Amino acid sequence: MSEDRAAEFGETDGLAVVRLNRPALTRQVKEELLAAVRQAGESTTARAVLFLGTDKAFCVGQDLTEHARIQQEEPDQALSTVREHYNRIVLALEGIQVPLVVGIGGACVGAGLGFALAGDVRVAARRAKFGTAFTGIGLASDSALAYRLVRSLGQARAMELMLLATVFGADRAQELGLVTEVVDDGDWEARAREVAAQLASGPTSAFVAAKREVRSAASGEADLPELLEEEAELQNQLGTTADHVGAVKSFLNKEKPAFTGR
């Protein structure tokens, strides 16, 4: 991968990697990020996706210098970016069916926090800082940040973080459940890759089904009988996969299963 691009996509051995090289989101950065995330979601060979920023920052949200220029030159277009870019990026992240691991090396605020919370597993450097940021510049949130916070923390804690816009560290983020694991500053990317590679070598169909079940349960739209029926249907499908059949044989033979994603 090359830092000449603002955002880029690559894939090796079933692991798709989206890297954001520039943490402040200009129009160019958002367009390249959307393209990279869509490539990851559309890959037919990726068994997991890793979303990385840089050592300095994961993502700090909108580039305010560009925003101020657009406010002066094209005031009617100043916030069209929410529908044109942010919403599309969030939906592309949500559309990734395989496990999505996020590696956070530094600042993760505003829209960046919304993007990070779209992941299934988040690994952060101890130096990383988090915050909602929006009310500090006179805006409410975008990038599904309120949606993610309410589902992760509940209404009261989400309201606190949104209104006070307090910046907090990685250890606090882990206490809140917003970060899965906190590691030494020099180890965040290696550890995020390790976790993503582990998931990429696992039972892919089972992971996809597990994400579907969790999302269905979290939505609150289905009642218990509907959720039970979904579980039964998914288990029927998974029961015929090579990964399940092979894992049962490995268990009986007291061997470690080797998953192929099929």
C-alpha atoms as a PDB file:
ATOM      1  CA  MET A   1       0.000   0.000   0.000  1.00  0.00           C
ATOM      2  CA  SER A   2       1.113   3.560  -0.691  1.00  0.00           C
ATOM      3  CA  GLU A   3       0.548   6.682   1.365  1.00  0.00           C
ATOM      4  CA  ASP A   4       0.239   8.624  -1.908  1.00  0.00           C
ATOM      5  CA  ARG A   5      -3.437   7.705  -1.794  1.00  0.00           C
ATOM      6  CA  ALA A   6      -5.720   9.143   0.870  1.00  0.00           C
ATOM      7  CA  ALA A   7      -7.424   5.783   1.329  1.00  0.00           C
ATOM      8  CA  GLU A   8      -6.747   2.426  -0.259  1.00  0.00           C
ATOM      9  CA  PHE A   9      -7.729  -1.209  -0.452  1.00  0.00           C
ATOM     10  CA  GLY A  10      -5.677  -4.383  -0.604  1.00  0.00           C
ATOM     11  CA  GLU A  11      -6.248  -8.083  -0.012  1.00  0.00           C
ATOM     12  CA  THR A  12      -3.932 -10.964   0.841  1.00  0.00           C
ATOM     13  CA  ASP A  13      -4.770 -14.524   1.937  1.00  0.00           C
ATOM     14  CA  GLY A  14      -8.437 -13.803   2.523  1.00  0.00           C
ATOM     15  CA  LEU A  15      -7.812 -10.641   4.563  1.00  0.00           C
ATOM     16  CA  ALA A  16      -9.016  -7.392   3.002  1.00  0.00           C
ATOM     17  CA  VAL A  17      -7.380  -4.226   4.319  1.00  0.00           C
ATOM     18  CA  VAL A  18      -8.791  -0.703   4.104  1.00  0.00           C
ATOM     19  CA  ARG A  19      -6.277   1.934   5.148  1.00  0.00           C
ATOM     20  CA  LEU A  20      -7.089   5.592   5.744  1.00  0.00           C
ATOM     21  CA  ASN A  21      -3.836   7.503   5.251  1.00  0.00           C
ATOM     22  CA  ARG A  22      -5.207  10.987   5.897  1.00  0.00           C
ATOM     23  CA  PRO A  23      -7.292  11.377   9.054  1.00  0.00           C
ATOM     24  CA  ALA A  24      -9.056  14.653   8.139  1.00  0.00           C
ATOM     25  CA  LEU A  25     -11.877  14.022   5.695  1.00  0.00           C
ATOM     26  CA  THR A  26     -11.755  16.197   2.604  1.00  0.00           C
ATOM     27  CA  ARG A  27     -13.982  15.412  -0.355  1.00  0.00           C
ATOM     28  CA  GLN A  28     -11.141  13.479  -1.993  1.00  0.00           C
ATOM     29  CA  VAL A  29     -10.479  11.454   1.145  1.00  0.00           C
ATOM     30  CA  LYS A  30     -14.156  10.586   1.550  1.00  0.00           C
ATOM     31  CA  GLU A  31     -14.486   9.491  -2.066  1.00  0.00           C
ATOM     32  CA  GLU A  32     -11.385   7.293  -1.869  1.00  0.00           C
ATOM     33  CA  LEU A  33     -12.464   5.850   1.479  1.00  0.00           C
ATOM     34  CA  LEU A  34     -15.912   4.989   0.136  1.00  0.00           C
ATOM     35  CA  ALA A  35     -14.365   3.265  -2.880  1.00  0.00           C
ATOM     36  CA  ALA A  36     -12.011   1.245  -0.659  1.00  0.00           C
ATOM     37  CA  VAL A  37     -14.757   0.183   1.758  1.00  0.00           C
ATOM     38  CA  ARG A  38     -16.986  -0.846  -1.135  1.00  0.00           C
ATOM     39  CA  GLN A  39     -14.174  -2.938  -2.596  1.00  0.00           C
ATOM     40  CA  ALA A  40     -13.809  -4.710   0.734  1.00  0.00           C
ATOM     41  CA  GLY A  41     -17.524  -5.355   1.003  1.00  0.00           C
ATOM     42  CA  GLU A  42     -17.806  -6.613  -2.563  1.00  0.00           C
ATOM     43  CA  SER A  43     -14.829  -8.974  -2.405  1.00  0.00           C
ATOM     44  CA  THR A  44     -15.854 -12.591  -2.947  1.00  0.00           C
ATOM     45  CA  THR A  45     -12.630 -13.929  -1.434  1.00  0.00           C
ATOM     46  CA  ALA A  46     -12.214 -11.821   1.718  1.00  0.00           C
ATOM     47  CA  ARG A  47     -12.966 -13.742   4.919  1.00  0.00           C
ATOM     48  CA  ALA A  48     -12.335 -10.748   7.189  1.00  0.00           C
ATOM     49  CA  VAL A  49     -11.729  -7.009   6.770  1.00  0.00           C
ATOM     50  CA  LEU A  50      -9.203  -4.849   8.618  1.00  0.00           C
ATOM     51  CA  PHE A  51      -9.815  -1.084   8.734  1.00  0.00           C
ATOM     52  CA  LEU A  52      -6.741   0.926   9.753  1.00  0.00           C
ATOM     53  CA  GLY A  53      -5.738   4.532  10.198  1.00  0.00           C
ATOM     54  CA  THR A  54      -2.219   5.774  10.946  1.00  0.00           C
ATOM     55  CA  ASP A  55      -0.098   6.053  14.086  1.00  0.00           C
ATOM     56  CA  LYS A  56      -1.191   9.670  14.447  1.00  0.00           C
ATOM     57  CA  ALA A  57      -4.914   9.161  14.076  1.00  0.00           C
ATOM     58  CA  PHE A  58      -7.601   6.766  12.950  1.00  0.00           C
ATOM     59  CA  CYS A  59      -9.951   9.506  11.727  1.00  0.00           C
ATOM     60  CA  VAL A  60     -10.729  13.002  13.055  1.00  0.00           C
ATOM     61  CA  GLY A  61     -13.834  13.658  10.979  1.00  0.00           C
ATOM     62  CA  GLN A  62     -14.466  16.501   8.580  1.00  0.00           C
ATOM     63  CA  ASP A  63     -11.553  18.634   7.387  1.00  0.00           C
ATOM     64  CA  LEU A  64     -12.735  21.971   8.797  1.00  0.00           C
ATOM     65  CA  THR A  65     -10.450  24.025   6.562  1.00  0.00           C
ATOM     66  CA  GLU A  66     -12.184  22.643   3.482  1.00  0.00           C
ATOM     67  CA  HIS A  67     -15.565  22.977   5.215  1.00  0.00           C
ATOM     68  CA  ALA A  68     -14.968  26.672   5.948  1.00  0.00           C
ATOM     69  CA  ARG A  69     -13.990  27.298   2.323  1.00  0.00           C
ATOM     70  CA  ILE A  70     -17.143  25.592   1.041  1.00  0.00           C
ATOM     71  CA  GLN A  71     -19.253  27.599   3.522  1.00  0.00           C
ATOM     72  CA  GLN A  72     -17.925  30.791   1.933  1.00  0.00           C
ATOM     73  CA  GLU A  73     -17.929  29.706  -1.711  1.00  0.00           C
ATOM     74  CA  GLU A  74     -20.915  27.325  -1.873  1.00  0.00           C
ATOM     75  CA  PRO A  75     -22.953  27.776   1.313  1.00  0.00           C
ATOM     76  CA  ASP A  76     -25.855  25.700  -0.024  1.00  0.00           C
ATOM     77  CA  GLN A  77     -23.495  22.737  -0.437  1.00  0.00           C
ATOM     78  CA  ALA A  78     -21.657  22.995   2.888  1.00  0.00           C
ATOM     79  CA  LEU A  79     -23.459  20.091   4.540  1.00  0.00           C
ATOM     80  CA  SER A  80     -24.548  18.097   1.484  1.00  0.00           C
ATOM     81  CA  THR A  81     -21.562  15.876   2.265  1.00  0.00           C
ATOM     82  CA  VAL A  82     -23.588  14.077   4.946  1.00  0.00           C
ATOM     83  CA  ARG A  83     -25.874  12.465   2.363  1.00  0.00           C
ATOM     84  CA  GLU A  84     -23.326  12.399  -0.436  1.00  0.00           C
ATOM     85  CA  HIS A  85     -20.422  10.859   1.508  1.00  0.00           C
ATOM     86  CA  TYR A  86     -20.872  10.056   5.186  1.00  0.00           C
ATOM     87  CA  ASN A  87     -24.123   8.141   4.859  1.00  0.00           C
ATOM     88  CA  ARG A  88     -22.729   6.100   1.986  1.00  0.00           C
ATOM     89  CA  ILE A  89     -19.539   5.234   3.886  1.00  0.00           C
ATOM     90  CA  VAL A  90     -21.531   4.110   6.933  1.00  0.00           C
ATOM     91  CA  LEU A  91     -23.847   1.968   4.809  1.00  0.00           C
ATOM     92  CA  ALA A  92     -20.869   0.439   3.006  1.00  0.00           C
ATOM     93  CA  LEU A  93     -19.281  -0.464   6.363  1.00  0.00           C
ATOM     94  CA  GLU A  94     -22.589  -1.902   7.557  1.00  0.00           C
ATOM     95  CA  GLY A  95     -22.808  -3.941   4.363  1.00  0.00           C
ATOM     96  CA  ILE A  96     -19.612  -5.853   5.147  1.00  0.00           C
ATOM     97  CA  GLN A  97     -20.862  -9.307   6.097  1.00  0.00           C
ATOM     98  CA  VAL A  98     -17.576 -10.875   7.220  1.00  0.00           C
ATOM     99  CA  PRO A  99     -15.873  -9.848  10.496  1.00  0.00           C
ATOM    100  CA  LEU A 100     -14.670  -6.237  10.501  1.00  0.00           C
ATOM    101  CA  VAL A 101     -11.691  -5.388  12.735  1.00  0.00           C
ATOM    102  CA  VAL A 102     -10.749  -1.746  13.351  1.00  0.00           C
ATOM    103  CA  GLY A 103      -7.232  -0.728  14.360  1.00  0.00           C
ATOM    104  CA  ILE A 104      -6.993   2.643  16.132  1.00  0.00           C
ATOM    105  CA  GLY A 105      -3.552   4.160  16.533  1.00  0.00           C
ATOM    106  CA  GLY A 106      -4.432   7.691  17.622  1.00  0.00           C
ATOM    107  CA  ALA A 107      -7.258  10.224  17.573  1.00  0.00           C
ATOM    108  CA  CYS A 108     -10.703   8.798  16.826  1.00  0.00           C
ATOM    109  CA  VAL A 109     -13.324  11.530  17.022  1.00  0.00           C
ATOM    110  CA  GLY A 110     -16.487  12.777  15.378  1.00  0.00           C
ATOM    111  CA  ALA A 111     -17.316  10.855  12.224  1.00  0.00           C
ATOM    112  CA  GLY A 112     -14.199   8.795  12.874  1.00  0.00           C
ATOM    113  CA  LEU A 113     -15.752   7.422  16.044  1.00  0.00           C
ATOM    114  CA  GLY A 114     -18.905   6.618  14.102  1.00  0.00           C
ATOM    115  CA  PHE A 115     -16.850   4.716  11.527  1.00  0.00           C
ATOM    116  CA  ALA A 116     -14.891   2.841  14.195  1.00  0.00           C
ATOM    117  CA  LEU A 117     -18.051   1.744  15.995  1.00  0.00           C
ATOM    118  CA  ALA A 118     -19.238   0.101  12.773  1.00  0.00           C
ATOM    119  CA  GLY A 119     -16.549  -2.513  13.385  1.00  0.00           C
ATOM    120  CA  ASP A 120     -17.080  -5.811  15.165  1.00  0.00           C
ATOM    121  CA  VAL A 121     -13.763  -5.764  17.055  1.00  0.00           C
ATOM    122  CA  ARG A 122     -11.691  -2.675  17.885  1.00  0.00           C
ATOM    123  CA  VAL A 123      -8.021  -2.695  18.911  1.00  0.00           C
ATOM    124  CA  ALA A 124      -6.595   0.608  20.154  1.00  0.00           C
ATOM    125  CA  ALA A 125      -3.203   1.982  21.071  1.00  0.00           C
ATOM    126  CA  ARG A 126      -2.981   3.182  24.654  1.00  0.00           C
ATOM    127  CA  ARG A 127      -2.360   6.743  23.416  1.00  0.00           C
ATOM    128  CA  ALA A 128      -5.598   6.808  21.373  1.00  0.00           C
ATOM    129  CA  LYS A 129      -8.121   9.517  22.211  1.00  0.00           C
ATOM    130  CA  PHE A 130     -11.860   9.392  21.596  1.00  0.00           C
ATOM    131  CA  GLY A 131     -14.648  11.952  21.497  1.00  0.00           C
ATOM    132  CA  THR A 132     -17.933  12.824  19.826  1.00  0.00           C
ATOM    133  CA  ALA A 133     -16.785  16.392  19.020  1.00  0.00           C
ATOM    134  CA  PHE A 134     -19.859  17.534  17.051  1.00  0.00           C
ATOM    135  CA  THR A 135     -21.493  19.823  19.613  1.00  0.00           C
ATOM    136  CA  GLY A 136     -18.133  21.532  20.088  1.00  0.00           C
ATOM    137  CA  ILE A 137     -18.563  23.035  16.605  1.00  0.00           C
ATOM    138  CA  GLY A 138     -22.293  23.630  16.897  1.00  0.00           C
ATOM    139  CA  LEU A 139     -23.514  20.499  15.136  1.00  0.00           C
ATOM    140  CA  ALA A 140     -25.380  17.350  16.058  1.00  0.00           C
ATOM    141  CA  SER A 141     -23.829  14.056  15.002  1.00  0.00           C
ATOM    142  CA  ASP A 142     -23.730  12.224  11.704  1.00  0.00           C
ATOM    143  CA  SER A 143     -22.122   8.944  10.567  1.00  0.00           C
ATOM    144  CA  ALA A 144     -24.576   6.954  12.717  1.00  0.00           C
ATOM    145  CA  LEU A 145     -22.712   7.990  15.862  1.00  0.00           C
ATOM    146  CA  ALA A 146     -25.833   8.430  18.009  1.00  0.00           C
ATOM    147  CA  TYR A 147     -27.208   5.134  16.678  1.00  0.00           C
ATOM    148  CA  ARG A 148     -24.018   3.272  17.611  1.00  0.00           C
ATOM    149  CA  LEU A 149     -23.612   4.906  21.007  1.00  0.00           C
ATOM    150  CA  VAL A 150     -27.184   4.213  22.104  1.00  0.00           C
ATOM    151  CA  ARG A 151     -26.873   0.553  21.116  1.00  0.00           C
ATOM    152  CA  SER A 152     -23.474   0.234  22.750  1.00  0.00           C
ATOM    153  CA  LEU A 153     -23.994   2.258  25.926  1.00  0.00           C
ATOM    154  CA  GLY A 154     -27.695   3.025  26.375  1.00  0.00           C
ATOM    155  CA  GLN A 155     -29.473   6.360  26.121  1.00  0.00           C
ATOM    156  CA  ALA A 156     -28.141   8.022  29.276  1.00  0.00           C
ATOM    157  CA  ARG A 157     -24.446   7.418  28.604  1.00  0.00           C
ATOM    158  CA  ALA A 158     -24.852   8.230  24.918  1.00  0.00           C
ATOM    159  CA  MET A 159     -26.504  11.532  25.822  1.00  0.00           C
ATOM    160  CA  GLU A 160     -23.654  12.365  28.180  1.00  0.00           C
ATOM    161  CA  LEU A 161     -20.998  11.756  25.528  1.00  0.00           C
ATOM    162  CA  MET A 162     -22.932  13.642  22.864  1.00  0.00           C
ATOM    163  CA  LEU A 163     -23.739  16.740  24.928  1.00  0.00           C
ATOM    164  CA  LEU A 164     -20.537  17.136  26.924  1.00  0.00           C
ATOM    165  CA  ALA A 165     -18.263  16.083  24.050  1.00  0.00           C
ATOM    166  CA  THR A 166     -15.618  15.031  26.561  1.00  0.00           C
ATOM    167  CA  VAL A 167     -12.391  13.606  25.149  1.00  0.00           C
ATOM    168  CA  PHE A 168     -11.428  10.316  26.808  1.00  0.00           C
ATOM    169  CA  GLY A 169      -8.605   7.836  26.537  1.00  0.00           C
ATOM    170  CA  ALA A 170      -8.343   4.272  25.341  1.00  0.00           C
ATOM    171  CA  ASP A 171      -8.602   2.730  28.810  1.00  0.00           C
ATOM    172  CA  ARG A 172     -11.866   4.586  29.416  1.00  0.00           C
ATOM    173  CA  ALA A 173     -13.113   3.544  25.984  1.00  0.00           C
ATOM    174  CA  GLN A 174     -12.426  -0.063  26.908  1.00  0.00           C
ATOM    175  CA  GLU A 175     -14.241   0.349  30.240  1.00  0.00           C
ATOM    176  CA  LEU A 176     -17.264   1.636  28.326  1.00  0.00           C
ATOM    177  CA  GLY A 177     -17.092  -1.276  25.900  1.00  0.00           C
ATOM    178  CA  LEU A 178     -16.279   0.917  22.890  1.00  0.00           C
ATOM    179  CA  VAL A 179     -12.871  -0.737  22.498  1.00  0.00           C
ATOM    180  CA  THR A 180     -12.254  -4.478  22.628  1.00  0.00           C
ATOM    181  CA  GLU A 181      -8.561  -4.394  23.476  1.00  0.00           C
ATOM    182  CA  VAL A 182      -5.954  -1.761  24.409  1.00  0.00           C
ATOM    183  CA  VAL A 183      -2.292  -2.485  23.626  1.00  0.00           C
ATOM    184  CA  ASP A 184       1.036  -0.676  23.844  1.00  0.00           C
ATOM    185  CA  ASP A 185       1.402   2.169  21.362  1.00  0.00           C
ATOM    186  CA  GLY A 186       3.871   0.362  19.132  1.00  0.00           C
ATOM    187  CA  ASP A 187       1.781  -2.802  18.932  1.00  0.00           C
ATOM    188  CA  TRP A 188      -1.669  -1.632  17.864  1.00  0.00           C
ATOM    189  CA  GLU A 189      -1.400  -2.395  14.147  1.00  0.00           C
ATOM    190  CA  ALA A 190       0.326  -5.755  14.603  1.00  0.00           C
ATOM    191  CA  ARG A 191      -2.286  -6.821  17.144  1.00  0.00           C
ATOM    192  CA  ALA A 192      -5.186  -5.648  14.962  1.00  0.00           C
ATOM    193  CA  ARG A 193      -3.712  -7.603  12.051  1.00  0.00           C
ATOM    194  CA  GLU A 194      -3.289 -10.654  14.240  1.00  0.00           C
ATOM    195  CA  VAL A 195      -6.935 -10.558  15.313  1.00  0.00           C
ATOM    196  CA  ALA A 196      -8.123  -9.975  11.747  1.00  0.00           C
ATOM    197  CA  ALA A 197      -5.941 -12.791  10.402  1.00  0.00           C
ATOM    198  CA  GLN A 198      -7.308 -15.120  13.067  1.00  0.00           C
ATOM    199  CA  LEU A 199     -10.850 -14.302  11.980  1.00  0.00           C
ATOM    200  CA  ALA A 200      -9.906 -14.658   8.306  1.00  0.00           C
ATOM    201  CA  SER A 201      -8.788 -18.234   9.002  1.00  0.00           C
ATOM    202  CA  GLY A 202     -11.973 -19.131  10.868  1.00  0.00           C
ATOM    203  CA  PRO A 203     -15.424 -20.502   9.942  1.00  0.00           C
ATOM    204  CA  THR A 204     -16.488 -17.661   7.663  1.00  0.00           C
ATOM    205  CA  SER A 205     -20.096 -18.752   7.151  1.00  0.00           C
ATOM    206  CA  ALA A 206     -20.561 -19.088  10.905  1.00  0.00           C
ATOM    207  CA  PHE A 207     -19.141 -15.599  11.453  1.00  0.00           C
ATOM    208  CA  VAL A 208     -21.473 -14.123   8.838  1.00  0.00           C
ATOM    209  CA  ALA A 209     -24.441 -15.840  10.481  1.00  0.00           C
ATOM    210  CA  ALA A 210     -23.363 -14.724  13.950  1.00  0.00           C
ATOM    211  CA  LYS A 211     -23.198 -11.092  12.776  1.00  0.00           C
ATOM    212  CA  ARG A 212     -26.673 -11.454  11.310  1.00  0.00           C
ATOM    213  CA  GLU A 213     -28.039 -12.855  14.575  1.00  0.00           C
ATOM    214  CA  VAL A 214     -26.481 -10.120  16.705  1.00  0.00           C
ATOM    215  CA  ARG A 215     -27.753  -7.398  14.396  1.00  0.00           C
ATOM    216  CA  SER A 216     -31.256  -8.865  14.410  1.00  0.00           C
ATOM    217  CA  ALA A 217     -31.262  -9.067  18.208  1.00  0.00           C
ATOM    218  CA  ALA A 218     -29.881  -5.539  18.603  1.00  0.00           C
ATOM    219  CA  SER A 219     -32.406  -3.982  16.221  1.00  0.00           C
ATOM    220  CA  GLY A 220     -35.321  -4.790  18.517  1.00  0.00           C
ATOM    221  CA  GLU A 221     -37.500  -5.244  15.443  1.00  0.00           C
ATOM    222  CA  ALA A 222     -37.964  -9.008  15.794  1.00  0.00           C
ATOM    223  CA  ASP A 223     -39.684 -10.756  18.677  1.00  0.00           C
ATOM    224  CA  LEU A 224     -38.336 -13.897  20.345  1.00  0.00           C
ATOM    225  CA  PRO A 225     -40.179 -16.420  18.133  1.00  0.00           C
ATOM    226  CA  GLU A 226     -38.833 -14.665  15.032  1.00  0.00           C
ATOM    227  CA  LEU A 227     -35.293 -14.662  16.419  1.00  0.00           C
ATOM    228  CA  LEU A 228     -35.564 -18.343  17.301  1.00  0.00           C
ATOM    229  CA  GLU A 229     -36.749 -19.138  13.784  1.00  0.00           C
ATOM    230  CA  GLU A 230     -33.844 -17.202  12.304  1.00  0.00           C
ATOM    231  CA  GLU A 231     -31.422 -19.149  14.503  1.00  0.00           C
ATOM    232  CA  ALA A 232     -32.960 -22.449  13.439  1.00  0.00           C
ATOM    233  CA  GLU A 233     -32.746 -21.563   9.759  1.00  0.00           C
ATOM    234  CA  LEU A 234     -29.139 -20.435  10.018  1.00  0.00           C
ATOM    235  CA  GLN A 235     -28.150 -23.560  11.930  1.00  0.00           C
ATOM    236  CA  ASN A 236     -29.761 -25.703   9.226  1.00  0.00           C
ATOM    237  CA  GLN A 237     -27.654 -23.926   6.625  1.00  0.00           C
ATOM    238  CA  LEU A 238     -24.423 -24.074   8.638  1.00  0.00           C
ATOM    239  CA  GLY A 239     -24.915 -27.725   9.520  1.00  0.00           C
ATOM    240  CA  THR A 240     -24.129 -28.750   5.950  1.00  0.00           C
ATOM    241  CA  THR A 241     -20.948 -26.685   5.567  1.00  0.00           C
ATOM    242  CA  ALA A 242     -17.555 -28.340   5.248  1.00  0.00           C
ATOM    243  CA  ASP A 243     -16.320 -26.261   8.181  1.00  0.00           C
ATOM    244  CA  HIS A 244     -18.972 -27.623  10.541  1.00  0.00           C
ATOM    245  CA  VAL A 245     -18.667 -31.233   9.383  1.00  0.00           C
ATOM    246  CA  GLY A 246     -14.881 -31.061   9.602  1.00  0.00           C
ATOM    247  CA  ALA A 247     -14.921 -29.389  13.020  1.00  0.00           C
ATOM    248  CA  VAL A 248     -17.124 -32.143  14.468  1.00  0.00           C
ATOM    249  CA  LYS A 249     -14.750 -34.790  13.112  1.00  0.00           C
ATOM    250  CA  SER A 250     -11.786 -32.897  14.555  1.00  0.00           C
ATOM    251  CA  PHE A 251     -13.508 -32.710  17.946  1.00  0.00           C
ATOM    252  CA  LEU A 252     -14.139 -36.462  17.974  1.00  0.00           C
ATOM    253  CA  ASN A 253     -10.530 -37.092  16.963  1.00  0.00           C
ATOM    254  CA  LYS A 254      -9.267 -34.615  19.588  1.00  0.00           C
ATOM    255  CA  GLU A 255      -7.701 -32.497  16.846  1.00  0.00           C
ATOM    256  CA  LYS A 256      -7.706 -28.757  16.219  1.00  0.00           C
ATOM    257  CA  PRO A 257     -10.121 -27.907  13.389  1.00  0.00           C
ATOM    258  CA  ALA A 258      -8.829 -26.312  10.209  1.00  0.00           C
ATOM    259  CA  PHE A 259     -11.415 -24.019   8.647  1.00  0.00           C
ATOM    260  CA  THR A 260     -11.533 -23.276   4.941  1.00  0.00           C
ATOM    261  CA  GLY A 261     -14.430 -20.839   4.907  1.00  0.00           C
ATOM    262  CA  ARG A 262     -16.648 -23.311   3.078  1.00  0.00           C
END
